[in-house]
Amino acid sequence: MCPAALVLTATTFLAALDAVRFTPWFALATLAVVPPLASRKAAGAEFRRLGPTVVAAVLLALIGAGLAWSGRRDSAGPRTVAAVLRSEPRSVRVYPFLTLADWALWSAPNLSGRIAYDGRSELMTPDQFADVARFARLSPGWRRAVRGYSLLVVNDAIARRLDGHGWRRVAAAQGIDLLRRVG
């Protein structure tokens, strides 16, 4: 296997372990790399050397290690944070960080109609997207974006900057934090 094919396969495999949406790319990379290997004759000079066997063994070990690591991950996300989101009363409106919006809605379907957006940025108006971008950077005007929302679903970096400045952390796990407006 040439080094470029090995890098392509390993990279797409690791991406697929990180997020299910990358699995098709791993499949496509595998379809590009494996058939030429399978069609070669085993008696070829390339397969008589020890190198390909070592490469195959290393790949199998990496795949096994990746699967073991993936199996230990909590694919449902932080259960404690999701439980708090599900327990919120119907009057609570939620403003999520863009990359956490779909997770929040998936984990707490009762937020439907009370969450600022569902993570599909292509459906936002230019003004909404500008507000989301301002909030992500906490640049001037971000407070206008969260006006009317009493709960934020954010990452650790934003939570650290906002905690104690009009917002209080109510739950946190695996890099996802819930902040409640104070007062």
Protein backbone atom coordinates (compact mmCIF):
# COMPACT_ATOMS: atom_id res chain seq x y z
CA MET A 1 0.00 0.00 0.00
CA CYS A 2 1.45 3.35 -0.94
CA PRO A 3 1.93 5.92 1.87
CA ALA A 4 -0.69 8.29 0.44
CA ALA A 5 -3.33 5.54 0.46
CA LEU A 6 -2.38 4.63 4.00
CA VAL A 7 -2.67 8.25 5.15
CA LEU A 8 -6.02 8.65 3.38
CA THR A 9 -7.45 5.50 4.91
CA ALA A 10 -6.18 6.28 8.41
CA THR A 11 -7.38 9.89 8.32
CA THR A 12 -10.87 9.04 7.12
CA PHE A 13 -11.09 6.18 9.63
CA LEU A 14 -10.20 8.50 12.52
CA ALA A 15 -12.69 11.09 11.27
CA ALA A 16 -15.38 8.40 11.09
CA LEU A 17 -14.65 7.45 14.69
CA ASP A 18 -15.03 11.09 15.71
CA ALA A 19 -18.38 11.66 14.01
CA VAL A 20 -20.77 9.31 12.28
CA ARG A 21 -21.29 11.78 9.45
CA PHE A 22 -17.71 11.10 8.26
CA THR A 23 -18.30 7.34 7.86
CA PRO A 24 -19.24 7.60 4.15
CA TRP A 25 -15.88 9.27 3.44
CA PHE A 26 -14.07 6.35 5.08
CA ALA A 27 -16.12 3.95 2.95
CA LEU A 28 -15.25 5.85 -0.23
CA ALA A 29 -11.55 5.92 0.67
CA THR A 30 -11.65 2.19 1.38
CA LEU A 31 -13.33 1.54 -1.97
CA ALA A 32 -10.51 3.42 -3.66
CA VAL A 33 -7.70 1.69 -1.79
CA VAL A 34 -8.76 -1.94 -1.22
CA PRO A 35 -9.75 -3.22 -4.72
CA PRO A 36 -6.28 -2.67 -6.23
CA LEU A 37 -4.76 -4.52 -3.28
CA ALA A 38 -7.18 -7.42 -3.61
CA SER A 39 -6.57 -7.81 -7.34
CA ARG A 40 -2.81 -8.23 -7.02
CA LYS A 41 -1.32 -11.69 -7.16
CA ALA A 42 -0.01 -12.94 -3.84
CA ALA A 43 3.14 -14.25 -5.54
CA GLY A 44 4.21 -10.72 -6.55
CA ALA A 45 7.55 -9.48 -5.33
CA GLU A 46 5.90 -6.79 -3.25
CA PHE A 47 4.08 -9.34 -1.08
CA ARG A 48 7.14 -11.47 -0.43
CA ARG A 49 8.69 -8.77 1.70
CA LEU A 50 7.97 -8.29 5.38
CA GLY A 51 6.88 -4.62 4.94
CA PRO A 52 3.30 -5.17 3.77
CA THR A 53 2.70 -7.67 6.57
CA VAL A 54 3.92 -5.18 9.14
CA VAL A 55 1.79 -2.43 7.62
CA ALA A 56 -1.28 -4.69 7.68
CA ALA A 57 -0.61 -5.67 11.31
CA VAL A 58 -0.21 -2.02 12.33
CA LEU A 59 -3.42 -1.08 10.51
CA LEU A 60 -5.33 -3.88 12.23
CA ALA A 61 -3.94 -2.81 15.60
CA LEU A 62 -4.94 0.82 14.94
CA ILE A 63 -8.41 -0.20 13.85
CA GLY A 64 -8.81 -2.34 16.97
CA ALA A 65 -7.58 0.46 19.21
CA GLY A 66 -9.87 2.95 17.48
CA LEU A 67 -12.87 0.70 17.91
CA ALA A 68 -12.06 0.13 21.58
CA TRP A 69 -11.71 3.89 22.14
CA SER A 70 -14.92 4.59 20.24
CA GLY A 71 -16.80 1.99 22.27
CA ARG A 72 -15.90 3.74 25.51
CA ARG A 73 -17.11 7.14 24.32
CA ASP A 74 -20.50 8.35 25.43
CA SER A 75 -22.11 8.75 22.03
CA ALA A 76 -25.28 10.15 23.56
CA GLY A 77 -23.35 13.12 24.85
CA PRO A 78 -23.27 14.29 28.42
CA ARG A 79 -26.28 12.68 30.01
CA THR A 80 -26.36 15.04 32.99
CA VAL A 81 -26.54 18.13 30.79
CA ALA A 82 -29.23 16.54 28.62
CA ALA A 83 -31.25 15.64 31.72
CA VAL A 84 -31.18 19.26 32.89
CA LEU A 85 -32.29 20.44 29.44
CA ARG A 86 -35.19 17.96 29.42
CA SER A 87 -36.30 19.04 32.89
CA GLU A 88 -36.56 22.74 32.02
CA PRO A 89 -40.09 24.21 32.21
CA ARG A 90 -41.91 25.14 28.99
CA SER A 91 -41.31 28.84 29.67
CA VAL A 92 -37.51 28.57 29.30
CA ARG A 93 -36.07 29.68 25.96
CA VAL A 94 -32.67 28.28 24.96
CA TYR A 95 -29.87 29.82 22.91
CA PRO A 96 -27.26 27.26 21.83
CA PHE A 97 -23.75 27.59 20.45
CA LEU A 98 -24.02 26.75 16.73
CA THR A 99 -22.19 23.41 16.91
CA LEU A 100 -24.28 22.31 19.92
CA ALA A 101 -27.72 23.27 18.65
CA ASP A 102 -28.50 19.98 16.93
CA TRP A 103 -27.21 18.00 19.92
CA ALA A 104 -29.39 20.05 22.32
CA LEU A 105 -32.51 19.53 20.25
CA TRP A 106 -31.76 15.83 19.74
CA SER A 107 -31.10 15.31 23.47
CA ALA A 108 -34.11 17.32 24.61
CA PRO A 109 -36.84 17.21 21.94
CA ASN A 110 -39.10 19.17 24.31
CA LEU A 111 -37.04 22.27 23.34
CA SER A 112 -38.72 22.34 19.96
CA GLY A 113 -40.16 25.80 19.43
CA ARG A 114 -38.15 27.20 22.35
CA ILE A 115 -34.62 26.90 20.94
CA ALA A 116 -33.17 29.75 18.88
CA TYR A 117 -32.21 27.50 15.95
CA ASP A 118 -31.57 23.84 15.25
CA GLY A 119 -28.03 24.07 13.90
CA ARG A 120 -28.86 24.31 10.21
CA SER A 121 -27.10 27.55 9.41
CA GLU A 122 -28.24 27.41 5.79
CA LEU A 123 -31.80 28.14 6.96
CA MET A 124 -30.82 31.28 8.90
CA THR A 125 -31.32 34.79 7.65
CA PRO A 126 -28.13 36.87 7.24
CA ASP A 127 -29.00 38.78 10.43
CA GLN A 128 -29.51 35.58 12.41
CA PHE A 129 -26.22 34.17 11.16
CA ALA A 130 -24.44 37.42 12.03
CA ASP A 131 -25.88 37.18 15.58
CA VAL A 132 -24.67 33.58 15.85
CA ALA A 133 -21.19 34.60 14.70
CA ARG A 134 -21.09 37.52 17.17
CA PHE A 135 -22.14 35.21 19.99
CA ALA A 136 -19.52 32.59 19.04
CA ARG A 137 -16.79 35.24 19.35
CA LEU A 138 -18.54 37.23 22.10
CA SER A 139 -17.90 40.28 19.97
CA PRO A 140 -19.86 43.53 20.34
CA GLY A 141 -23.56 42.96 19.84
CA TRP A 142 -23.63 39.38 21.13
CA ARG A 143 -25.91 40.35 24.05
CA ARG A 144 -28.59 41.41 21.56
CA ALA A 145 -28.51 37.89 20.11
CA VAL A 146 -29.28 36.24 23.45
CA ARG A 147 -31.87 38.78 24.61
CA GLY A 148 -35.03 36.91 25.53
CA TYR A 149 -33.22 33.63 26.23
CA SER A 150 -32.70 32.45 29.79
CA LEU A 151 -30.52 29.39 29.13
CA LEU A 152 -27.35 29.06 27.04
CA VAL A 153 -25.88 25.79 25.73
CA VAL A 154 -22.20 26.57 25.18
CA ASN A 155 -18.71 25.11 25.14
CA ASP A 156 -16.26 25.40 28.04
CA ALA A 157 -14.43 28.41 26.58
CA ILE A 158 -17.55 30.55 26.38
CA ALA A 159 -18.80 29.29 29.74
CA ARG A 160 -15.57 30.39 31.44
CA ARG A 161 -15.90 33.88 29.97
CA LEU A 162 -19.58 34.32 30.88
CA ASP A 163 -19.83 32.51 34.23
CA GLY A 164 -20.36 35.16 36.89
CA HIS A 165 -21.00 37.95 34.37
CA GLY A 166 -24.79 37.83 34.28
CA TRP A 167 -24.80 34.05 33.74
CA ARG A 168 -24.41 31.14 36.17
CA ARG A 169 -23.28 27.61 35.27
CA VAL A 170 -25.99 25.08 36.15
CA ALA A 171 -24.57 21.95 34.51
CA ALA A 172 -21.43 20.88 32.70
CA ALA A 173 -20.03 17.66 31.26
CA GLN A 174 -17.73 16.65 28.41
CA GLY A 175 -17.14 20.22 27.27
CA ILE A 176 -20.83 21.22 27.13
CA ASP A 177 -22.06 23.77 29.66
CA LEU A 178 -25.49 25.15 30.53
CA LEU A 179 -25.59 28.73 31.73
CA ARG A 180 -28.69 30.32 33.27
CA ARG A 181 -29.27 34.06 33.17
CA VAL A 182 -28.91 35.58 36.63
CA GLY A 183 -31.72 37.87 37.70
